[in-house]
Amino acid sequence: MYISRKKIFYPISEGLRRYLHHYDRETKLPVHYEDLLHYTDSFPYYDKKGQDTLWESVMYEQQTQQELNTGLTMIYALLKTDGDMSVMEHLYVSRIDYCTFGNSHPWRVQIMNQLNDNYDYFYVKRADASRVYGLELEHILSPSRINYLVDGDTIIEEHIAGIPGDVFIKEVLERKATNKVRIAKEFVKFNERCFIRLLGDMRAYNYVVDVTPDFEDEQYRVRPIDFDQQSYEGRKTMYLPQFFKDNNPLVALVTKLLKPETVKQYQNEERTLMFRRLRSARYRLKDLIDCMRRDTVSTPEKLAQLKEELARHHHSNEFLRCNNMGDLVRLHLKVILTKTPKGKRL
């Protein structure tokens, strides 16, 4: 499947920035993306098996390191305790990594608890409008909440815990303890969530699998961790994880273990849940979609292609009258989610 190698960067518009301020996503940050660029040395970061992760751990001059430690610890406090530093005195920055892979080149900051050596992460990225819309739609419509902050051209995202999808498929999927039926069910639901809100490029390394032990078995939740391709590509299949070849083992599980009527049942369940989330946050979603409808997050060529493909998919020429990706997202949500709860309207 062809994927745009270099996605266009779309700056945050004034309307979207007002939205972020209104919903407490915008705040003054002591450290910005560009501040982390002034490192003096770097070396490859290898995982526990000695494999190159494509991340580089970076080093700074002593004075710069001290300033970054203070500022980044404060950012962690803003994420976790709304800036209350009184409970953060025992935390420090133990490592800063730079990603050389992909479009966004994020920074990953490891925060260490010096009392028990427990650690957590957060990410520093360039603020792109596509990513912001993706994060907000995930927060509103998915089963999981998303925590992030924006200041100027910098966005701070909390770490989304889970096993990377490619690692899960390679190392966990065939374990004896893995409940393959539950994994197949969750992949169907994840596939449905991505398509309904038009989140693209969910290759295996762009999502994680959160495994939760239950009293008799395990539960699974698939969560996206990359939101750069929110409503950007023109091909409909880009918004369906089932069409990416590295997800083939999960697609094979669905085909083998679930009957077509069961797949349809799980799809309807997810649509109903998404509709309920939409109803409970309809004013926030309307504010977001109104911003998106006044914004540009894709090219005219990709917009024209997606309009035609969705019109064919839904057998509705109404999609052809959409003027931007915001219009498409709004209409797509309306057409899909109002089919399940009878008598309701978006």
Protein backbone atom coordinates (compact mmCIF):
# COMPACT_ATOMS: atom_id res chain seq x y z
CA MET A 1 0.00 0.00 0.00
CA TYR A 2 1.40 3.40 -0.97
CA ILE A 3 1.80 5.88 1.88
CA SER A 4 2.93 9.48 1.52
CA ARG A 5 6.60 9.39 2.49
CA LYS A 6 6.68 12.95 3.72
CA LYS A 7 3.47 14.23 5.18
CA ILE A 8 2.91 17.98 4.85
CA PHE A 9 3.23 19.90 8.11
CA TYR A 10 0.13 21.98 8.91
CA PRO A 11 0.55 24.70 11.56
CA ILE A 12 -2.06 25.24 14.25
CA SER A 13 -4.58 27.84 13.11
CA GLU A 14 -5.92 30.65 15.30
CA GLY A 15 -9.30 28.92 15.52
CA LEU A 16 -7.76 25.64 16.68
CA ARG A 17 -5.58 27.50 19.16
CA ARG A 18 -8.68 29.13 20.67
CA TYR A 19 -10.20 25.65 20.95
CA LEU A 20 -7.08 24.37 22.76
CA HIS A 21 -7.15 27.32 25.16
CA HIS A 22 -10.86 26.83 25.89
CA TYR A 23 -10.42 23.14 26.71
CA ASP A 24 -7.26 23.64 28.82
CA ARG A 25 -4.88 22.07 26.33
CA GLU A 26 -2.73 25.18 25.99
CA THR A 27 -0.29 26.35 28.65
CA LYS A 28 3.09 28.05 28.94
CA LEU A 29 5.92 25.52 28.85
CA PRO A 30 9.41 26.03 30.32
CA VAL A 31 11.03 23.92 27.54
CA HIS A 32 10.20 23.83 23.83
CA TYR A 33 11.08 21.46 21.01
CA GLU A 34 13.91 23.64 19.69
CA ASP A 35 15.55 23.81 23.14
CA LEU A 36 16.33 20.11 22.94
CA LEU A 37 18.20 20.44 19.65
CA HIS A 38 21.33 21.86 21.30
CA TYR A 39 22.86 18.54 22.35
CA THR A 40 26.60 17.94 22.18
CA ASP A 41 26.73 14.18 21.59
CA SER A 42 24.51 11.19 20.88
CA PHE A 43 24.73 7.42 20.72
CA PRO A 44 22.33 4.69 19.50
CA TYR A 45 19.81 3.37 22.01
CA TYR A 46 19.56 -0.42 21.99
CA ASP A 47 16.77 -2.49 23.51
CA LYS A 48 17.25 -5.30 26.03
CA LYS A 49 18.03 -7.72 23.20
CA GLY A 50 20.75 -5.49 21.79
CA GLN A 51 18.76 -4.38 18.76
CA ASP A 52 18.93 -0.81 17.44
CA THR A 53 15.66 0.99 18.24
CA LEU A 54 16.34 3.88 15.81
CA TRP A 55 16.31 6.20 18.82
CA GLU A 56 19.46 8.07 19.89
CA SER A 57 20.20 9.02 23.49
CA VAL A 58 21.58 12.56 23.60
CA MET A 59 23.90 14.45 25.95
CA TYR A 60 24.15 18.15 26.80
CA GLU A 61 26.62 20.47 28.45
CA GLN A 62 26.32 20.47 32.24
CA GLN A 63 24.63 23.88 32.54
CA THR A 64 22.16 23.07 29.75
CA GLN A 65 21.46 19.66 31.29
CA GLN A 66 20.60 21.25 34.65
CA GLU A 67 18.24 23.76 33.02
CA LEU A 68 16.54 21.03 30.99
CA ASN A 69 16.20 18.80 34.04
CA THR A 70 14.32 21.56 35.90
CA GLY A 71 12.14 22.51 32.94
CA LEU A 72 11.29 18.97 31.82
CA THR A 73 10.46 17.88 35.38
CA MET A 74 8.11 20.87 35.60
CA ILE A 75 6.47 19.80 32.32
CA TYR A 76 5.92 16.33 33.79
CA ALA A 77 4.29 17.99 36.79
CA LEU A 78 2.02 19.99 34.46
CA LEU A 79 0.96 16.75 32.76
CA LYS A 80 0.37 14.76 35.92
CA THR A 81 -0.51 17.18 38.74
CA ASP A 82 -1.41 20.43 36.97
CA GLY A 83 1.95 21.89 37.94
CA ASP A 84 2.06 20.97 41.64
CA MET A 85 5.83 20.57 42.19
CA SER A 86 5.52 19.66 45.86
CA VAL A 87 5.06 15.98 44.99
CA MET A 88 7.73 16.04 42.25
CA GLU A 89 10.85 16.90 44.26
CA HIS A 90 12.16 13.32 44.10
CA LEU A 91 11.92 13.14 40.28
CA TYR A 92 14.67 13.85 37.77
CA VAL A 93 15.33 13.44 34.05
CA SER A 94 17.36 10.26 33.59
CA ARG A 95 17.48 10.12 29.78
CA ILE A 96 16.50 12.09 26.69
CA ASP A 97 16.14 10.21 23.39
CA TYR A 98 15.76 11.55 19.86
CA CYS A 99 13.94 9.58 17.17
CA THR A 100 15.62 9.57 13.76
CA PHE A 101 12.80 7.54 12.16
CA GLY A 102 9.60 8.92 10.61
CA ASN A 103 8.34 12.40 9.88
CA SER A 104 7.94 14.03 13.28
CA HIS A 105 11.37 13.34 14.89
CA PRO A 106 10.06 13.39 18.47
CA TRP A 107 11.98 13.56 21.74
CA ARG A 108 11.31 10.97 24.44
CA VAL A 109 12.01 12.05 28.00
CA GLN A 110 12.48 9.47 30.75
CA ILE A 111 11.52 10.70 34.24
CA MET A 112 13.00 8.70 37.12
CA ASN A 113 11.79 8.43 40.71
CA GLN A 114 14.97 8.48 42.80
CA LEU A 115 13.18 6.89 45.80
CA ASN A 116 12.35 3.61 44.06
CA ASP A 117 13.91 3.80 40.54
CA ASN A 118 10.49 3.69 38.92
CA TYR A 119 10.28 5.63 35.66
CA ASP A 120 7.81 7.11 33.22
CA TYR A 121 8.01 8.84 29.83
CA PHE A 122 6.57 11.74 27.93
CA TYR A 123 7.21 13.05 24.42
CA VAL A 124 8.14 16.46 23.03
CA LYS A 125 7.06 17.00 19.41
CA ARG A 126 6.46 19.73 16.87
CA ALA A 127 2.84 20.85 17.07
CA ASP A 128 1.10 19.81 13.86
CA ALA A 129 -2.61 20.50 13.31
CA SER A 130 -3.21 16.96 12.00
CA ARG A 131 -1.77 15.50 15.18
CA VAL A 132 -3.86 17.78 17.38
CA TYR A 133 -7.09 16.84 15.58
CA GLY A 134 -6.12 13.18 15.87
CA LEU A 135 -5.44 13.44 19.59
CA GLU A 136 -8.71 15.25 20.24
CA LEU A 137 -10.80 12.79 18.22
CA GLU A 138 -9.11 9.94 20.08
CA HIS A 139 -9.88 11.62 23.42
CA ILE A 140 -13.54 12.20 22.53
CA LEU A 141 -14.47 9.04 20.63
CA SER A 142 -12.19 6.24 21.87
CA PRO A 143 -12.43 4.23 25.11
CA SER A 144 -9.21 5.91 26.33
CA ARG A 145 -8.48 9.45 27.44
CA ILE A 146 -5.52 11.37 26.02
CA ASN A 147 -3.36 13.82 27.98
CA TYR A 148 -1.31 16.42 26.11
CA LEU A 149 -0.30 20.10 26.26
CA VAL A 150 0.49 22.68 23.56
CA ASP A 151 2.53 25.87 23.63
CA GLY A 152 3.37 27.63 20.39
CA ASP A 153 4.93 25.10 18.03
CA THR A 154 5.56 22.50 20.74
CA ILE A 155 3.28 19.68 21.84
CA ILE A 156 3.81 17.48 24.91
CA GLU A 157 2.22 14.02 24.90
CA GLU A 158 2.08 11.58 27.78
CA HIS A 159 3.33 8.04 27.20
CA ILE A 160 0.72 5.51 26.04
CA ALA A 161 1.66 2.25 27.73
CA GLY A 162 1.47 -1.04 25.88
CA ILE A 163 3.36 -3.56 23.79
CA PRO A 164 4.20 -2.18 20.32
CA GLY A 165 1.99 -3.86 17.73
CA ASP A 166 4.86 -5.33 15.72
CA VAL A 167 6.45 -6.75 18.89
CA PHE A 168 3.10 -8.15 20.05
CA ILE A 169 2.54 -9.92 16.71
CA LYS A 170 6.07 -11.33 16.68
CA GLU A 171 6.53 -12.32 20.31
CA VAL A 172 3.19 -12.48 22.13
CA LEU A 173 0.52 -13.51 19.65
CA GLU A 174 1.53 -17.18 19.52
CA ARG A 175 2.07 -17.63 23.25
CA LYS A 176 -0.04 -20.34 24.81
CA ALA A 177 -1.58 -17.93 27.32
CA THR A 178 -2.73 -15.47 24.65
CA ASN A 179 -6.50 -15.47 24.13
CA LYS A 180 -6.65 -15.29 20.35
CA VAL A 181 -10.41 -14.86 20.18
CA ARG A 182 -10.25 -11.77 22.36
CA ILE A 183 -7.39 -10.38 20.29
CA ALA A 184 -9.41 -10.95 17.11
CA LYS A 185 -12.41 -9.22 18.65
CA GLU A 186 -10.34 -6.21 19.73
CA PHE A 187 -8.72 -5.88 16.31
CA VAL A 188 -12.18 -5.75 14.70
CA LYS A 189 -13.16 -2.96 17.10
CA PHE A 190 -9.89 -1.10 16.59
CA ASN A 191 -10.30 -1.34 12.82
CA GLU A 192 -13.80 0.09 13.16
CA ARG A 193 -12.70 2.97 15.40
CA CYS A 194 -9.95 4.02 13.00
CA PHE A 195 -12.25 3.96 9.97
CA ILE A 196 -15.12 5.83 11.62
CA ARG A 197 -12.94 8.76 12.73
CA LEU A 198 -10.64 8.53 9.63
CA LEU A 199 -7.33 7.86 11.40
CA GLY A 200 -4.83 6.53 8.87
CA ASP A 201 -1.51 4.68 8.72
CA MET A 202 -2.12 2.20 11.53
CA ARG A 203 0.73 -0.08 10.64
CA ALA A 204 1.83 -2.38 13.46
CA TYR A 205 4.46 -0.02 14.86
CA ASN A 206 1.97 2.87 15.08
CA TYR A 207 -0.18 1.28 17.79
CA VAL A 208 0.32 -0.60 21.03
CA VAL A 209 -1.54 -3.48 22.66
CA ASP A 210 -2.43 -2.91 26.30
CA VAL A 211 -2.70 -6.30 28.04
CA THR A 212 -4.73 -6.40 31.26
CA PRO A 213 -4.85 -9.62 33.34
CA ASP A 214 -8.41 -10.57 34.21
CA PHE A 215 -9.50 -12.91 37.01
CA GLU A 216 -9.60 -15.84 34.57
CA ASP A 217 -7.87 -14.60 31.42
CA GLU A 218 -6.44 -11.53 29.70
CA GLN A 219 -8.15 -8.52 28.16
CA TYR A 220 -6.66 -6.52 25.29
CA ARG A 221 -6.98 -2.93 24.14
CA VAL A 222 -5.35 -1.69 20.93
CA ARG A 223 -4.42 1.99 21.13
CA PRO A 224 -2.95 4.21 18.41
CA ILE A 225 0.21 6.12 19.34
CA ASP A 226 0.76 8.05 16.09
CA PHE A 227 -1.85 10.60 15.03
CA ASP A 228 0.02 12.35 12.19
CA GLN A 229 -2.18 10.77 9.53
CA GLN A 230 -5.52 12.03 10.82
CA SER A 231 -7.71 12.65 7.74
CA TYR A 232 -4.73 13.19 5.44
CA GLU A 233 -4.54 10.41 2.85
CA GLY A 234 -6.89 10.05 -0.12
CA ARG A 235 -7.34 6.27 -0.22
CA LYS A 236 -10.12 4.80 1.88
CA THR A 237 -8.05 1.69 2.66
CA MET A 238 -5.48 3.89 4.43
CA TYR A 239 -8.03 4.26 7.26
CA LEU A 240 -8.56 0.49 7.64
CA PRO A 241 -5.73 -1.25 9.56
CA GLN A 242 -6.81 -4.59 8.05
CA PHE A 243 -5.22 -3.61 4.72
CA PHE A 244 -1.66 -3.15 6.03
CA LYS A 245 0.40 -6.25 5.38
CA ASP A 246 2.15 -6.22 8.76
CA ASN A 247 -1.32 -6.64 10.35
CA ASN A 248 -1.97 -9.80 8.30
CA PRO A 249 -1.48 -12.17 11.27
CA LEU A 250 -4.29 -10.38 13.12
CA VAL A 251 -6.50 -10.35 10.03
CA ALA A 252 -5.88 -14.10 9.68
CA LEU A 253 -7.01 -14.59 13.29
CA VAL A 254 -10.24 -12.72 12.61
CA THR A 255 -10.90 -14.78 9.47
CA LYS A 256 -10.13 -18.05 11.25
CA LEU A 257 -11.85 -17.52 14.60
CA LEU A 258 -14.78 -15.16 13.98
CA LYS A 259 -17.82 -15.80 11.82
CA PRO A 260 -19.05 -12.94 9.61
CA GLU A 261 -22.12 -12.39 11.77
CA THR A 262 -19.86 -12.17 14.86
CA VAL A 263 -17.65 -9.59 13.17
CA LYS A 264 -20.75 -7.56 12.32
CA GLN A 265 -21.90 -7.82 15.95
CA TYR A 266 -18.57 -6.44 17.24
CA GLN A 267 -18.67 -3.63 14.67
CA ASN A 268 -22.17 -2.65 15.78
CA GLU A 269 -21.11 -2.80 19.43
CA GLU A 270 -18.24 -0.39 18.77
CA ARG A 271 -20.44 1.97 16.76
CA THR A 272 -22.95 2.07 19.59
CA LEU A 273 -20.24 2.83 22.15
CA MET A 274 -18.78 5.56 19.94
CA PHE A 275 -22.22 7.07 19.47
CA ARG A 276 -22.68 7.22 23.25
CA ARG A 277 -19.31 8.92 23.68
CA LEU A 278 -20.23 11.35 20.92
CA ARG A 279 -23.53 12.19 22.59
CA SER A 280 -21.89 12.83 25.95
CA ALA A 281 -19.29 15.18 24.38
CA ARG A 282 -21.29 16.50 21.43
CA TYR A 283 -20.63 20.19 22.13
CA ARG A 284 -16.88 19.65 22.40
CA LEU A 285 -16.91 17.53 19.24
CA LYS A 286 -18.92 20.19 17.41
CA ASP A 287 -16.39 22.85 18.44
CA LEU A 288 -13.56 20.65 17.18
CA ILE A 289 -15.22 19.78 13.87
CA ASP A 290 -16.13 23.44 13.30
CA CYS A 291 -12.41 24.28 13.63
CA MET A 292 -11.48 21.44 11.30
CA ARG A 293 -14.00 22.58 8.68
CA ARG A 294 -12.27 25.96 8.55
CA ASP A 295 -8.83 24.40 8.44
CA THR A 296 -6.60 22.74 5.84
CA VAL A 297 -5.14 19.35 6.82
CA SER A 298 -4.69 17.68 3.44
CA THR A 299 -4.12 18.41 -0.25
CA PRO A 300 -6.92 19.08 -2.78
CA GLU A 301 -5.94 15.90 -4.67
CA LYS A 302 -6.23 13.67 -1.60
CA LEU A 303 -9.51 15.34 -0.60
CA ALA A 304 -11.01 14.73 -4.05
CA GLN A 305 -9.95 11.09 -4.01
CA LEU A 306 -11.33 10.39 -0.53
CA LYS A 307 -14.62 12.14 -1.36
CA GLU A 308 -15.13 9.83 -4.33
CA GLU A 309 -14.14 6.66 -2.48
CA LEU A 310 -16.38 7.39 0.50
CA ALA A 311 -19.25 8.31 -1.82
CA ARG A 312 -18.92 4.90 -3.48
CA HIS A 313 -18.55 3.14 -0.13
CA HIS A 314 -21.69 4.70 1.35
CA HIS A 315 -23.61 4.96 -1.94
CA SER A 316 -24.14 8.64 -1.22
CA ASN A 317 -23.32 11.62 -3.43
CA GLU A 318 -23.51 13.86 -0.36
CA PHE A 319 -19.80 13.17 0.20
CA LEU A 320 -19.00 14.76 -3.16
CA ARG A 321 -20.30 18.09 -1.87
CA CYS A 322 -17.80 18.22 1.02
CA ASN A 323 -15.34 21.10 0.75
CA ASN A 324 -12.64 19.91 3.16
CA MET A 325 -11.56 17.07 5.42
CA GLY A 326 -13.55 18.51 8.32
CA ASP A 327 -16.72 18.19 6.26
CA LEU A 328 -15.80 14.59 5.44
CA VAL A 329 -15.16 13.63 9.06
CA ARG A 330 -18.45 15.22 10.15
CA LEU A 331 -20.48 13.50 7.43
CA HIS A 332 -18.70 10.17 7.91
CA LEU A 333 -19.48 10.18 11.63
CA LYS A 334 -23.08 11.12 10.92
CA VAL A 335 -23.67 8.46 8.26
CA ILE A 336 -22.07 5.58 10.21
CA LEU A 337 -23.00 6.33 13.81
CA THR A 338 -26.65 7.25 13.23
CA LYS A 339 -27.37 3.89 11.58
CA THR A 340 -27.05 1.88 14.79
CA PRO A 341 -28.96 3.82 17.51
CA LYS A 342 -32.40 4.03 15.95
CA GLY A 343 -34.24 7.33 16.17
CA LYS A 344 -31.10 9.29 17.08
CA ARG A 345 -29.43 12.10 15.17
CA LEU A 346 -25.93 13.56 15.26
